[in-house]
């Protein structure tokens, strides 16, 4: 896997990371990074974004897709942060998943990357694909896959593991043309060289990330 696990979303604090991660749904990190500088320049805090006009936010984030719902989500999440948490992003999974546009994946990204809190493993489409191909899970839903990964790896590795799986899936173990020939895990991967659509058998083998 890639040697430097990292989040590729650009952010300066937990609030910016929360907003950027909400915007990243059905979009790319690069696409989000193109719009957030203007968004955060105009609305640098939760109270500021909560008071922004819906139309203005939609115009700024339009290229990320599903911009109307995303604009509503980040504005409403910002309102809740301003009213309940003094504008700060809470540090627990239970509180975060109550925010509009936030599920476990987003909460794991924020808690792990902004606060260094290992609440779980970030599981997106890339992490799902890699986990299945490596034989780390036979499940299909993010919740079940995360549960399998949390059982296989110690908690102190969860944050980096999530980043590694995402980046490995994004750049090496791609959906249509996985680069098995240059993959450092090919010798231990049960799916190396096989047709992607036929992959995903589970195993109980413990593997170091």
N, C-alpha and C. Protein backbone atom coordinates (compact mmCIF):
# COMPACT_ATOMS: atom_id res chain seq x y z
N UNK A 1 0.83 -1.19 0.00
CA UNK A 1 0.00 0.00 0.00
C UNK A 1 0.87 1.26 0.00
N UNK A 2 0.26 2.40 -0.21
CA UNK A 2 0.99 3.64 -0.23
C UNK A 2 1.62 3.89 1.14
N UNK A 3 2.87 4.38 1.18
CA UNK A 3 3.61 4.50 2.43
C UNK A 3 3.19 5.67 3.32
N UNK A 4 2.52 6.68 2.78
CA UNK A 4 2.18 7.86 3.55
C UNK A 4 0.66 8.04 3.60
N UNK A 5 -0.01 7.41 4.54
CA UNK A 5 -1.46 7.56 4.64
C UNK A 5 -1.84 9.00 4.95
N UNK A 6 -2.80 9.53 4.22
CA UNK A 6 -3.16 10.93 4.38
C UNK A 6 -4.55 11.17 3.82
N UNK A 7 -5.14 12.25 4.25
CA UNK A 7 -6.41 12.71 3.68
C UNK A 7 -6.08 13.71 2.58
N UNK A 8 -6.67 13.53 1.40
CA UNK A 8 -6.35 14.42 0.28
C UNK A 8 -7.28 15.62 0.19
N UNK A 9 -8.23 15.75 1.10
CA UNK A 9 -9.04 16.96 1.17
C UNK A 9 -8.23 18.08 1.81
N UNK A 10 -8.33 19.28 1.24
CA UNK A 10 -7.62 20.43 1.80
C UNK A 10 -8.48 21.04 2.91
N UNK A 11 -7.86 21.25 4.07
CA UNK A 11 -8.61 21.84 5.19
C UNK A 11 -7.65 22.48 6.17
N UNK A 12 -8.16 23.42 6.95
CA UNK A 12 -7.34 24.09 7.94
C UNK A 12 -7.74 23.80 9.36
N UNK A 13 -8.93 23.25 9.55
CA UNK A 13 -9.41 22.94 10.89
C UNK A 13 -10.53 21.91 10.78
N UNK A 14 -11.06 21.48 11.91
CA UNK A 14 -12.08 20.42 11.92
C UNK A 14 -13.35 20.85 11.21
N UNK A 15 -13.73 22.12 11.34
CA UNK A 15 -14.94 22.60 10.65
C UNK A 15 -14.77 22.50 9.14
N UNK A 16 -13.65 22.95 8.63
CA UNK A 16 -13.42 22.89 7.18
C UNK A 16 -13.38 21.45 6.69
N UNK A 17 -12.78 20.56 7.48
CA UNK A 17 -12.73 19.15 7.08
C UNK A 17 -14.12 18.54 7.07
N UNK A 18 -14.94 18.88 8.05
CA UNK A 18 -16.31 18.38 8.08
C UNK A 18 -17.07 18.79 6.84
N UNK A 19 -17.01 20.07 6.51
CA UNK A 19 -17.72 20.58 5.33
C UNK A 19 -17.17 19.93 4.06
N UNK A 20 -15.85 19.85 3.93
CA UNK A 20 -15.25 19.28 2.74
C UNK A 20 -15.63 17.81 2.57
N UNK A 21 -15.70 17.08 3.68
CA UNK A 21 -16.05 15.66 3.60
C UNK A 21 -17.50 15.47 3.20
N UNK A 22 -18.38 16.32 3.69
CA UNK A 22 -19.78 16.27 3.26
C UNK A 22 -19.87 16.54 1.76
N UNK A 23 -19.11 17.51 1.28
CA UNK A 23 -19.13 17.85 -0.14
C UNK A 23 -18.52 16.75 -1.01
N UNK A 24 -17.69 15.90 -0.43
CA UNK A 24 -16.99 14.89 -1.23
C UNK A 24 -17.88 13.72 -1.65
N UNK A 25 -19.08 13.63 -1.09
CA UNK A 25 -19.98 12.54 -1.48
C UNK A 25 -20.29 12.62 -2.97
N UNK A 26 -20.11 11.52 -3.67
CA UNK A 26 -20.35 11.45 -5.11
C UNK A 26 -19.52 12.47 -5.88
N UNK A 27 -18.37 12.82 -5.33
CA UNK A 27 -17.47 13.76 -5.99
C UNK A 27 -16.04 13.30 -5.73
N UNK A 28 -15.07 14.02 -6.27
CA UNK A 28 -13.67 13.70 -6.04
C UNK A 28 -13.07 14.71 -5.07
N UNK A 29 -12.01 14.31 -4.38
CA UNK A 29 -11.34 15.24 -3.49
C UNK A 29 -10.81 16.44 -4.26
N UNK A 30 -10.28 16.20 -5.46
CA UNK A 30 -9.77 17.30 -6.27
C UNK A 30 -10.88 18.29 -6.61
N UNK A 31 -12.05 17.76 -6.94
CA UNK A 31 -13.18 18.62 -7.25
C UNK A 31 -13.61 19.45 -6.06
N UNK A 32 -13.61 18.83 -4.89
CA UNK A 32 -13.96 19.56 -3.66
C UNK A 32 -12.92 20.63 -3.36
N UNK A 33 -11.65 20.28 -3.52
CA UNK A 33 -10.58 21.22 -3.22
C UNK A 33 -10.59 22.44 -4.13
N UNK A 34 -11.25 22.33 -5.28
CA UNK A 34 -11.34 23.48 -6.18
C UNK A 34 -12.36 24.51 -5.70
N UNK A 35 -13.36 24.06 -4.94
CA UNK A 35 -14.42 24.99 -4.55
C UNK A 35 -14.31 25.47 -3.10
N UNK A 36 -13.65 24.71 -2.24
CA UNK A 36 -13.62 25.09 -0.83
C UNK A 36 -12.83 26.36 -0.52
N UNK A 37 -11.78 26.71 -1.27
CA UNK A 37 -11.10 27.98 -0.94
C UNK A 37 -12.05 29.17 -0.97
N UNK A 38 -12.87 29.27 -1.99
CA UNK A 38 -13.83 30.38 -2.06
C UNK A 38 -14.89 30.25 -0.97
N UNK A 39 -15.37 29.02 -0.76
CA UNK A 39 -16.40 28.80 0.25
C UNK A 39 -15.91 29.24 1.63
N UNK A 40 -14.71 28.82 2.00
CA UNK A 40 -14.19 29.14 3.32
C UNK A 40 -13.70 30.58 3.42
N UNK A 41 -13.37 31.18 2.30
CA UNK A 41 -13.00 32.60 2.32
C UNK A 41 -14.23 33.45 2.67
N UNK A 42 -15.37 33.08 2.09
CA UNK A 42 -16.59 33.84 2.34
C UNK A 42 -17.25 33.46 3.66
N UNK A 43 -17.13 32.17 4.01
CA UNK A 43 -17.82 31.67 5.21
C UNK A 43 -16.84 30.83 6.03
N UNK A 44 -15.95 31.47 6.79
CA UNK A 44 -14.86 30.76 7.46
C UNK A 44 -15.26 30.04 8.74
N UNK A 45 -16.45 30.30 9.25
CA UNK A 45 -16.87 29.68 10.51
C UNK A 45 -18.26 29.08 10.38
N UNK A 46 -18.62 28.25 11.34
CA UNK A 46 -19.96 27.66 11.34
C UNK A 46 -21.06 28.71 11.39
N UNK A 47 -20.98 29.72 12.26
CA UNK A 47 -22.03 30.74 12.25
C UNK A 47 -22.14 31.47 10.91
N UNK A 48 -20.99 31.72 10.27
CA UNK A 48 -21.01 32.42 8.98
C UNK A 48 -21.69 31.58 7.91
N UNK A 49 -21.34 30.30 7.83
CA UNK A 49 -21.94 29.43 6.83
C UNK A 49 -23.41 29.17 7.12
N UNK A 50 -23.76 29.11 8.39
CA UNK A 50 -25.17 28.92 8.76
C UNK A 50 -26.02 30.08 8.28
N UNK A 51 -25.44 31.27 8.25
CA UNK A 51 -26.19 32.45 7.83
C UNK A 51 -26.08 32.76 6.35
N UNK A 52 -25.39 31.92 5.60
CA UNK A 52 -25.22 32.15 4.16
C UNK A 52 -26.51 31.91 3.41
N UNK A 53 -26.68 32.59 2.29
CA UNK A 53 -27.83 32.37 1.43
C UNK A 53 -27.68 31.05 0.70
N UNK A 54 -28.76 30.29 0.62
CA UNK A 54 -28.73 29.00 -0.06
C UNK A 54 -28.24 29.14 -1.49
N UNK A 55 -28.74 30.12 -2.21
CA UNK A 55 -28.35 30.31 -3.61
C UNK A 55 -26.86 30.57 -3.76
N UNK A 56 -26.30 31.34 -2.84
CA UNK A 56 -24.89 31.67 -2.95
C UNK A 56 -24.03 30.43 -2.71
N UNK A 57 -24.40 29.63 -1.71
CA UNK A 57 -23.65 28.42 -1.44
C UNK A 57 -23.76 27.45 -2.61
N UNK A 58 -24.96 27.33 -3.18
CA UNK A 58 -25.16 26.46 -4.34
C UNK A 58 -24.24 26.85 -5.50
N UNK A 59 -24.11 28.14 -5.75
CA UNK A 59 -23.27 28.60 -6.85
C UNK A 59 -21.81 28.23 -6.62
N UNK A 60 -21.37 28.35 -5.40
CA UNK A 60 -19.96 28.07 -5.10
C UNK A 60 -19.64 26.58 -5.25
N UNK A 61 -20.54 25.72 -4.78
CA UNK A 61 -20.25 24.28 -4.74
C UNK A 61 -20.88 23.53 -5.91
N UNK A 62 -21.42 24.23 -6.88
CA UNK A 62 -22.19 23.64 -7.96
C UNK A 62 -21.49 22.47 -8.64
N UNK A 63 -20.20 22.59 -8.87
CA UNK A 63 -19.48 21.57 -9.64
C UNK A 63 -19.26 20.26 -8.88
N UNK A 64 -19.57 20.23 -7.59
CA UNK A 64 -19.36 18.99 -6.82
C UNK A 64 -20.51 18.01 -6.99
N UNK A 65 -21.59 18.43 -7.64
CA UNK A 65 -22.73 17.54 -7.84
C UNK A 65 -23.66 17.55 -6.64
N UNK A 66 -24.95 17.27 -6.90
CA UNK A 66 -25.96 17.25 -5.83
C UNK A 66 -25.85 18.50 -4.97
N UNK A 67 -25.61 19.63 -5.64
CA UNK A 67 -25.23 20.86 -4.94
C UNK A 67 -26.35 21.43 -4.09
N UNK A 68 -27.60 21.22 -4.48
CA UNK A 68 -28.70 21.76 -3.67
C UNK A 68 -28.77 21.08 -2.32
N UNK A 69 -28.74 19.73 -2.33
CA UNK A 69 -28.80 18.99 -1.08
C UNK A 69 -27.55 19.23 -0.24
N UNK A 70 -26.40 19.28 -0.89
CA UNK A 70 -25.16 19.51 -0.15
C UNK A 70 -25.16 20.90 0.49
N UNK A 71 -25.66 21.89 -0.24
CA UNK A 71 -25.73 23.24 0.32
C UNK A 71 -26.63 23.27 1.54
N UNK A 72 -27.76 22.59 1.45
CA UNK A 72 -28.66 22.53 2.61
C UNK A 72 -27.99 21.82 3.78
N UNK A 73 -27.29 20.73 3.48
CA UNK A 73 -26.66 19.94 4.53
C UNK A 73 -25.58 20.74 5.27
N UNK A 74 -24.69 21.38 4.54
CA UNK A 74 -23.60 22.09 5.21
C UNK A 74 -24.11 23.34 5.93
N UNK A 75 -25.15 23.96 5.41
CA UNK A 75 -25.72 25.12 6.11
C UNK A 75 -26.42 24.68 7.39
N UNK A 76 -27.19 23.60 7.31
CA UNK A 76 -27.91 23.12 8.49
C UNK A 76 -26.94 22.55 9.52
N UNK A 77 -25.94 21.82 9.07
CA UNK A 77 -24.93 21.30 9.99
C UNK A 77 -24.22 22.46 10.69
N UNK A 78 -23.93 23.50 9.94
CA UNK A 78 -23.27 24.68 10.52
C UNK A 78 -24.18 25.36 11.55
N UNK A 79 -25.48 25.42 11.26
CA UNK A 79 -26.42 26.01 12.22
C UNK A 79 -26.41 25.23 13.53
N UNK A 80 -26.42 23.91 13.44
CA UNK A 80 -26.41 23.08 14.64
C UNK A 80 -25.10 23.27 15.42
N UNK A 81 -23.99 23.32 14.68
CA UNK A 81 -22.71 23.54 15.35
C UNK A 81 -22.71 24.87 16.09
N UNK A 82 -23.24 25.89 15.43
CA UNK A 82 -23.25 27.22 16.04
C UNK A 82 -24.15 27.26 17.27
N UNK A 83 -25.32 26.63 17.19
CA UNK A 83 -26.30 26.71 18.26
C UNK A 83 -26.02 25.76 19.42
N UNK A 84 -25.52 24.57 19.13
CA UNK A 84 -25.34 23.56 20.18
C UNK A 84 -23.92 23.42 20.68
N UNK A 85 -22.94 23.72 19.81
CA UNK A 85 -21.55 23.42 20.17
C UNK A 85 -20.64 24.63 20.11
N UNK A 86 -21.21 25.82 20.12
CA UNK A 86 -20.39 27.02 20.10
C UNK A 86 -19.55 27.16 18.84
N UNK A 87 -20.01 26.57 17.76
CA UNK A 87 -19.30 26.65 16.49
C UNK A 87 -18.21 25.62 16.32
N UNK A 88 -17.99 24.79 17.35
CA UNK A 88 -16.96 23.76 17.28
C UNK A 88 -17.54 22.42 16.81
N UNK A 89 -16.70 21.62 16.19
CA UNK A 89 -17.11 20.29 15.73
C UNK A 89 -16.98 19.33 16.90
N UNK A 90 -18.04 18.61 17.25
CA UNK A 90 -17.96 17.68 18.39
C UNK A 90 -16.98 16.55 18.13
N UNK A 91 -16.59 15.89 19.22
CA UNK A 91 -15.55 14.88 19.15
C UNK A 91 -16.05 13.47 19.40
N UNK A 92 -17.32 13.22 19.21
CA UNK A 92 -17.85 11.87 19.39
C UNK A 92 -18.62 11.43 18.16
N UNK A 93 -18.61 10.14 17.91
CA UNK A 93 -19.34 9.58 16.79
C UNK A 93 -20.83 9.85 16.92
N UNK A 94 -21.38 9.63 18.10
CA UNK A 94 -22.83 9.80 18.31
C UNK A 94 -23.28 11.22 17.99
N UNK A 95 -22.48 12.21 18.36
CA UNK A 95 -22.86 13.59 18.08
C UNK A 95 -22.71 13.93 16.60
N UNK A 96 -21.65 13.45 15.99
CA UNK A 96 -21.40 13.79 14.59
C UNK A 96 -22.44 13.21 13.65
N UNK A 97 -22.84 11.97 13.87
CA UNK A 97 -23.78 11.35 12.94
C UNK A 97 -25.18 11.94 13.05
N UNK A 98 -25.40 12.80 14.00
CA UNK A 98 -26.68 13.50 14.09
C UNK A 98 -26.73 14.72 13.17
N UNK A 99 -25.58 15.11 12.63
CA UNK A 99 -25.52 16.27 11.76
C UNK A 99 -25.97 15.90 10.34
N UNK A 100 -26.66 16.80 9.65
CA UNK A 100 -27.08 16.53 8.27
C UNK A 100 -25.88 16.24 7.37
N UNK A 101 -26.02 15.21 6.54
CA UNK A 101 -24.96 14.87 5.59
C UNK A 101 -23.82 14.07 6.18
N UNK A 102 -23.94 13.68 7.46
CA UNK A 102 -22.85 12.97 8.12
C UNK A 102 -23.27 11.56 8.49
N UNK A 103 -22.55 10.58 7.97
CA UNK A 103 -22.71 9.18 8.37
C UNK A 103 -21.37 8.73 8.96
N UNK A 104 -21.23 7.45 9.21
CA UNK A 104 -20.02 6.95 9.88
C UNK A 104 -18.75 7.27 9.09
N UNK A 105 -18.81 7.18 7.77
CA UNK A 105 -17.60 7.44 6.98
C UNK A 105 -17.10 8.86 7.23
N UNK A 106 -18.00 9.83 7.10
CA UNK A 106 -17.63 11.22 7.31
C UNK A 106 -17.14 11.45 8.73
N UNK A 107 -17.85 10.88 9.70
CA UNK A 107 -17.47 11.05 11.10
C UNK A 107 -16.09 10.45 11.36
N UNK A 108 -15.80 9.29 10.79
CA UNK A 108 -14.49 8.67 10.97
C UNK A 108 -13.38 9.54 10.39
N UNK A 109 -13.63 10.12 9.22
CA UNK A 109 -12.64 11.00 8.60
C UNK A 109 -12.35 12.19 9.52
N UNK A 110 -13.40 12.83 10.01
CA UNK A 110 -13.22 14.02 10.85
C UNK A 110 -12.55 13.67 12.17
N UNK A 111 -13.06 12.66 12.85
CA UNK A 111 -12.50 12.30 14.14
C UNK A 111 -11.04 11.85 14.03
N UNK A 112 -10.75 11.02 13.02
CA UNK A 112 -9.40 10.51 12.87
C UNK A 112 -8.42 11.54 12.37
N UNK A 113 -8.81 12.29 11.35
CA UNK A 113 -7.88 13.21 10.69
C UNK A 113 -7.72 14.52 11.45
N UNK A 114 -8.82 15.07 11.94
CA UNK A 114 -8.76 16.36 12.63
C UNK A 114 -8.38 16.23 14.09
N UNK A 115 -8.85 15.15 14.73
CA UNK A 115 -8.67 15.03 16.17
C UNK A 115 -7.78 13.86 16.60
N UNK A 116 -7.44 12.98 15.68
CA UNK A 116 -6.63 11.83 16.05
C UNK A 116 -7.37 10.82 16.90
N UNK A 117 -8.70 10.80 16.78
CA UNK A 117 -9.53 9.89 17.56
C UNK A 117 -9.88 8.68 16.70
N UNK A 118 -9.46 7.50 17.13
CA UNK A 118 -9.71 6.28 16.37
C UNK A 118 -11.09 5.72 16.74
N UNK A 119 -12.11 6.21 16.07
CA UNK A 119 -13.48 5.78 16.35
C UNK A 119 -13.89 4.59 15.50
N UNK A 120 -13.15 4.34 14.44
CA UNK A 120 -13.45 3.26 13.51
C UNK A 120 -12.56 3.36 12.30
N UNK A 121 -12.93 2.68 11.22
CA UNK A 121 -12.16 2.69 9.98
C UNK A 121 -12.99 3.34 8.89
N UNK A 122 -12.42 4.30 8.20
CA UNK A 122 -13.12 4.94 7.10
C UNK A 122 -13.31 3.96 5.95
N UNK A 123 -14.56 3.75 5.55
CA UNK A 123 -14.87 2.82 4.47
C UNK A 123 -15.67 3.54 3.39
N UNK A 124 -15.02 3.84 2.27
CA UNK A 124 -15.70 4.39 1.12
C UNK A 124 -15.69 3.35 0.01
N UNK A 125 -16.00 3.74 -1.21
CA UNK A 125 -16.04 2.77 -2.31
C UNK A 125 -14.66 2.15 -2.57
N UNK A 126 -13.60 2.95 -2.42
CA UNK A 126 -12.25 2.44 -2.64
C UNK A 126 -11.87 1.44 -1.56
N UNK A 127 -12.12 1.82 -0.31
CA UNK A 127 -11.78 0.92 0.81
C UNK A 127 -12.59 -0.36 0.73
N UNK A 128 -13.83 -0.25 0.29
CA UNK A 128 -14.68 -1.43 0.11
C UNK A 128 -14.06 -2.39 -0.89
N UNK A 129 -13.68 -1.86 -2.04
CA UNK A 129 -13.12 -2.68 -3.11
C UNK A 129 -11.82 -3.36 -2.67
N UNK A 130 -10.92 -2.59 -2.07
CA UNK A 130 -9.64 -3.14 -1.65
C UNK A 130 -9.81 -4.21 -0.57
N UNK A 131 -10.67 -3.93 0.39
CA UNK A 131 -10.89 -4.89 1.48
C UNK A 131 -11.42 -6.21 0.95
N UNK A 132 -12.33 -6.13 -0.01
CA UNK A 132 -12.90 -7.34 -0.59
C UNK A 132 -11.86 -8.09 -1.41
N UNK A 133 -11.09 -7.39 -2.19
CA UNK A 133 -10.10 -8.04 -3.04
C UNK A 133 -8.98 -8.68 -2.23
N UNK A 134 -8.63 -8.05 -1.12
CA UNK A 134 -7.58 -8.61 -0.26
C UNK A 134 -8.09 -9.77 0.58
N UNK A 135 -9.40 -10.00 0.55
CA UNK A 135 -9.96 -11.08 1.33
C UNK A 135 -10.13 -10.74 2.79
N UNK A 136 -10.18 -9.45 3.10
CA UNK A 136 -10.34 -9.02 4.49
C UNK A 136 -11.80 -9.04 4.92
N UNK A 137 -12.71 -9.12 3.97
CA UNK A 137 -14.13 -9.16 4.27
C UNK A 137 -14.88 -9.81 3.12
N UNK A 138 -16.00 -10.42 3.46
CA UNK A 138 -16.89 -10.96 2.44
C UNK A 138 -18.17 -10.15 2.38
N UNK A 139 -18.24 -9.11 3.20
CA UNK A 139 -19.45 -8.30 3.26
C UNK A 139 -19.47 -7.21 2.19
N UNK A 140 -20.63 -6.61 2.01
CA UNK A 140 -20.80 -5.60 0.97
C UNK A 140 -21.16 -4.22 1.53
N UNK A 141 -21.76 -4.18 2.70
CA UNK A 141 -22.16 -2.89 3.25
C UNK A 141 -21.01 -2.28 4.05
N UNK A 142 -20.87 -0.94 4.00
CA UNK A 142 -19.78 -0.28 4.71
C UNK A 142 -19.74 -0.60 6.20
N UNK A 143 -20.91 -0.68 6.83
CA UNK A 143 -20.95 -0.96 8.27
C UNK A 143 -20.37 -2.33 8.59
N UNK A 144 -20.76 -3.33 7.81
CA UNK A 144 -20.25 -4.68 8.03
C UNK A 144 -18.76 -4.78 7.70
N UNK A 145 -18.35 -4.11 6.63
CA UNK A 145 -16.94 -4.13 6.27
C UNK A 145 -16.10 -3.46 7.35
N UNK A 146 -16.58 -2.33 7.84
CA UNK A 146 -15.86 -1.64 8.92
C UNK A 146 -15.74 -2.54 10.15
N UNK A 147 -16.79 -3.23 10.48
CA UNK A 147 -16.77 -4.12 11.64
C UNK A 147 -15.71 -5.21 11.46
N UNK A 148 -15.62 -5.77 10.25
CA UNK A 148 -14.61 -6.80 9.98
C UNK A 148 -13.19 -6.23 10.12
N UNK A 149 -12.99 -5.04 9.58
CA UNK A 149 -11.66 -4.43 9.63
C UNK A 149 -11.26 -4.09 11.07
N UNK A 150 -12.22 -3.62 11.84
CA UNK A 150 -11.94 -3.28 13.23
C UNK A 150 -11.58 -4.53 14.04
N UNK A 151 -12.13 -5.66 13.64
CA UNK A 151 -11.81 -6.91 14.32
C UNK A 151 -10.44 -7.44 13.92
N UNK A 152 -10.01 -7.14 12.69
CA UNK A 152 -8.74 -7.65 12.18
C UNK A 152 -7.54 -6.83 12.62
N UNK A 153 -7.74 -5.52 12.79
CA UNK A 153 -6.62 -4.62 13.07
C UNK A 153 -6.79 -3.95 14.43
N UNK A 154 -5.69 -3.70 15.12
CA UNK A 154 -5.77 -3.01 16.41
C UNK A 154 -6.21 -1.56 16.24
N UNK A 155 -6.82 -1.02 17.28
CA UNK A 155 -7.40 0.33 17.21
C UNK A 155 -6.38 1.39 16.83
N UNK A 156 -5.13 1.22 17.28
CA UNK A 156 -4.12 2.24 16.98
C UNK A 156 -3.78 2.30 15.50
N UNK A 157 -4.25 1.35 14.70
CA UNK A 157 -3.99 1.37 13.26
C UNK A 157 -5.21 1.80 12.44
N UNK A 158 -6.33 2.00 13.08
CA UNK A 158 -7.56 2.26 12.33
C UNK A 158 -7.51 3.52 11.48
N UNK A 159 -6.97 4.59 12.02
CA UNK A 159 -6.95 5.86 11.28
C UNK A 159 -6.12 5.73 10.01
N UNK A 160 -4.87 5.27 10.17
CA UNK A 160 -4.00 5.11 9.00
C UNK A 160 -4.53 4.06 8.05
N UNK A 161 -5.11 3.00 8.58
CA UNK A 161 -5.65 1.95 7.72
C UNK A 161 -6.70 2.50 6.77
N UNK A 162 -7.60 3.32 7.30
CA UNK A 162 -8.63 3.90 6.44
C UNK A 162 -8.03 4.70 5.30
N UNK A 163 -7.03 5.54 5.61
CA UNK A 163 -6.38 6.33 4.56
C UNK A 163 -5.66 5.43 3.57
N UNK A 164 -4.98 4.41 4.07
CA UNK A 164 -4.24 3.51 3.18
C UNK A 164 -5.17 2.78 2.21
N UNK A 165 -6.29 2.29 2.72
CA UNK A 165 -7.23 1.57 1.86
C UNK A 165 -7.80 2.49 0.79
N UNK A 166 -8.16 3.70 1.19
CA UNK A 166 -8.72 4.66 0.24
C UNK A 166 -7.71 5.00 -0.86
N UNK A 167 -6.49 5.35 -0.45
CA UNK A 167 -5.47 5.73 -1.42
C UNK A 167 -5.04 4.56 -2.31
N UNK A 168 -4.95 3.38 -1.71
CA UNK A 168 -4.58 2.20 -2.49
C UNK A 168 -5.63 1.92 -3.56
N UNK A 169 -6.89 2.06 -3.20
CA UNK A 169 -7.96 1.86 -4.17
C UNK A 169 -8.03 2.95 -5.21
N UNK A 170 -7.66 4.14 -4.82
CA UNK A 170 -7.72 5.28 -5.74
C UNK A 170 -6.61 5.25 -6.79
N UNK A 171 -5.43 4.77 -6.40
CA UNK A 171 -4.27 4.88 -7.30
C UNK A 171 -3.69 3.54 -7.76
N UNK A 172 -3.93 2.46 -7.05
CA UNK A 172 -3.33 1.18 -7.41
C UNK A 172 -4.40 0.14 -7.71
N UNK A 173 -5.21 -0.18 -6.73
CA UNK A 173 -6.23 -1.22 -6.89
C UNK A 173 -7.53 -0.59 -7.41
N UNK A 174 -7.44 -0.06 -8.62
CA UNK A 174 -8.56 0.66 -9.21
C UNK A 174 -9.67 -0.29 -9.64
N UNK A 175 -10.84 0.26 -9.89
CA UNK A 175 -12.01 -0.57 -10.15
C UNK A 175 -11.89 -1.38 -11.44
N UNK A 176 -11.50 -0.73 -12.52
CA UNK A 176 -11.53 -1.40 -13.82
C UNK A 176 -10.19 -1.99 -14.24
N UNK A 177 -9.11 -1.39 -13.82
CA UNK A 177 -7.80 -1.88 -14.26
C UNK A 177 -6.81 -1.84 -13.10
N UNK A 178 -6.96 -2.74 -12.13
CA UNK A 178 -6.03 -2.75 -10.99
C UNK A 178 -4.60 -3.01 -11.44
N UNK A 179 -3.66 -2.28 -10.83
CA UNK A 179 -2.25 -2.37 -11.22
C UNK A 179 -1.56 -3.48 -10.41
N UNK A 180 -1.99 -4.70 -10.61
CA UNK A 180 -1.46 -5.83 -9.84
C UNK A 180 0.04 -6.00 -10.03
N UNK A 181 0.53 -5.70 -11.22
CA UNK A 181 1.94 -5.89 -11.51
C UNK A 181 2.86 -5.00 -10.70
N UNK A 182 2.35 -3.84 -10.28
CA UNK A 182 3.18 -2.92 -9.51
C UNK A 182 2.72 -2.80 -8.06
N UNK A 183 1.82 -3.67 -7.66
CA UNK A 183 1.26 -3.61 -6.30
C UNK A 183 2.14 -4.38 -5.33
N UNK A 184 2.49 -3.73 -4.23
CA UNK A 184 3.32 -4.38 -3.23
C UNK A 184 2.62 -5.47 -2.46
N UNK A 185 1.30 -5.57 -2.61
CA UNK A 185 0.53 -6.59 -1.90
C UNK A 185 0.15 -7.77 -2.79
N UNK A 186 0.60 -7.76 -4.03
CA UNK A 186 0.16 -8.78 -4.98
C UNK A 186 0.52 -10.20 -4.54
N UNK A 187 1.65 -10.34 -3.81
CA UNK A 187 2.07 -11.68 -3.40
C UNK A 187 1.16 -12.29 -2.34
N UNK A 188 0.48 -11.45 -1.58
CA UNK A 188 -0.41 -11.97 -0.53
C UNK A 188 -1.88 -11.74 -0.87
N UNK A 189 -2.15 -11.14 -2.01
CA UNK A 189 -3.52 -10.84 -2.39
C UNK A 189 -4.15 -12.02 -3.13
N UNK A 190 -5.26 -12.55 -2.64
CA UNK A 190 -5.90 -13.69 -3.31
C UNK A 190 -6.55 -13.31 -4.63
N UNK A 191 -6.63 -12.02 -4.92
CA UNK A 191 -7.31 -11.56 -6.12
C UNK A 191 -6.36 -11.08 -7.21
N UNK A 192 -5.07 -11.08 -6.95
CA UNK A 192 -4.11 -10.55 -7.91
C UNK A 192 -4.22 -11.26 -9.25
N UNK A 193 -4.37 -10.45 -10.31
CA UNK A 193 -4.44 -10.99 -11.65
C UNK A 193 -5.77 -11.55 -12.07
N UNK A 194 -6.75 -11.47 -11.20
CA UNK A 194 -8.06 -12.01 -11.53
C UNK A 194 -9.01 -10.92 -12.03
N UNK A 195 -10.12 -11.34 -12.59
CA UNK A 195 -11.11 -10.39 -13.09
C UNK A 195 -11.77 -9.69 -11.92
N UNK A 196 -11.79 -8.36 -11.88
CA UNK A 196 -12.33 -7.65 -10.74
C UNK A 196 -13.73 -8.07 -10.32
N UNK A 197 -14.60 -8.37 -11.29
CA UNK A 197 -15.98 -8.70 -10.97
C UNK A 197 -16.11 -10.03 -10.24
N UNK A 198 -15.04 -10.83 -10.27
CA UNK A 198 -15.10 -12.14 -9.63
C UNK A 198 -14.46 -12.16 -8.25
N UNK A 199 -14.06 -10.95 -7.75
CA UNK A 199 -13.31 -10.90 -6.51
C UNK A 199 -14.19 -10.70 -5.30
N UNK A 200 -13.57 -10.92 -4.12
CA UNK A 200 -14.25 -10.56 -2.89
C UNK A 200 -14.54 -11.69 -1.94
N UNK A 201 -13.79 -12.77 -1.93
CA UNK A 201 -14.02 -13.86 -0.98
C UNK A 201 -13.38 -13.52 0.35
N UNK A 202 -14.02 -13.90 1.45
CA UNK A 202 -13.56 -13.51 2.78
C UNK A 202 -12.51 -14.46 3.34
N UNK A 203 -11.87 -13.99 4.40
CA UNK A 203 -10.89 -14.78 5.11
C UNK A 203 -10.76 -14.24 6.51
N UNK A 204 -10.29 -15.07 7.43
CA UNK A 204 -10.08 -14.63 8.79
C UNK A 204 -8.61 -14.33 9.04
N UNK A 205 -7.80 -14.30 8.00
CA UNK A 205 -6.38 -14.07 8.14
C UNK A 205 -6.09 -12.65 8.60
N UNK A 206 -5.23 -12.49 9.62
CA UNK A 206 -4.87 -11.18 10.14
C UNK A 206 -3.69 -10.67 9.34
N UNK A 207 -3.80 -9.44 8.85
CA UNK A 207 -2.78 -8.87 7.99
C UNK A 207 -2.36 -7.53 8.54
N UNK A 208 -1.08 -7.24 8.48
CA UNK A 208 -0.59 -5.93 8.88
C UNK A 208 -0.83 -4.93 7.76
N UNK A 209 -1.30 -3.70 8.10
CA UNK A 209 -1.54 -2.72 7.06
C UNK A 209 -0.24 -2.15 6.51
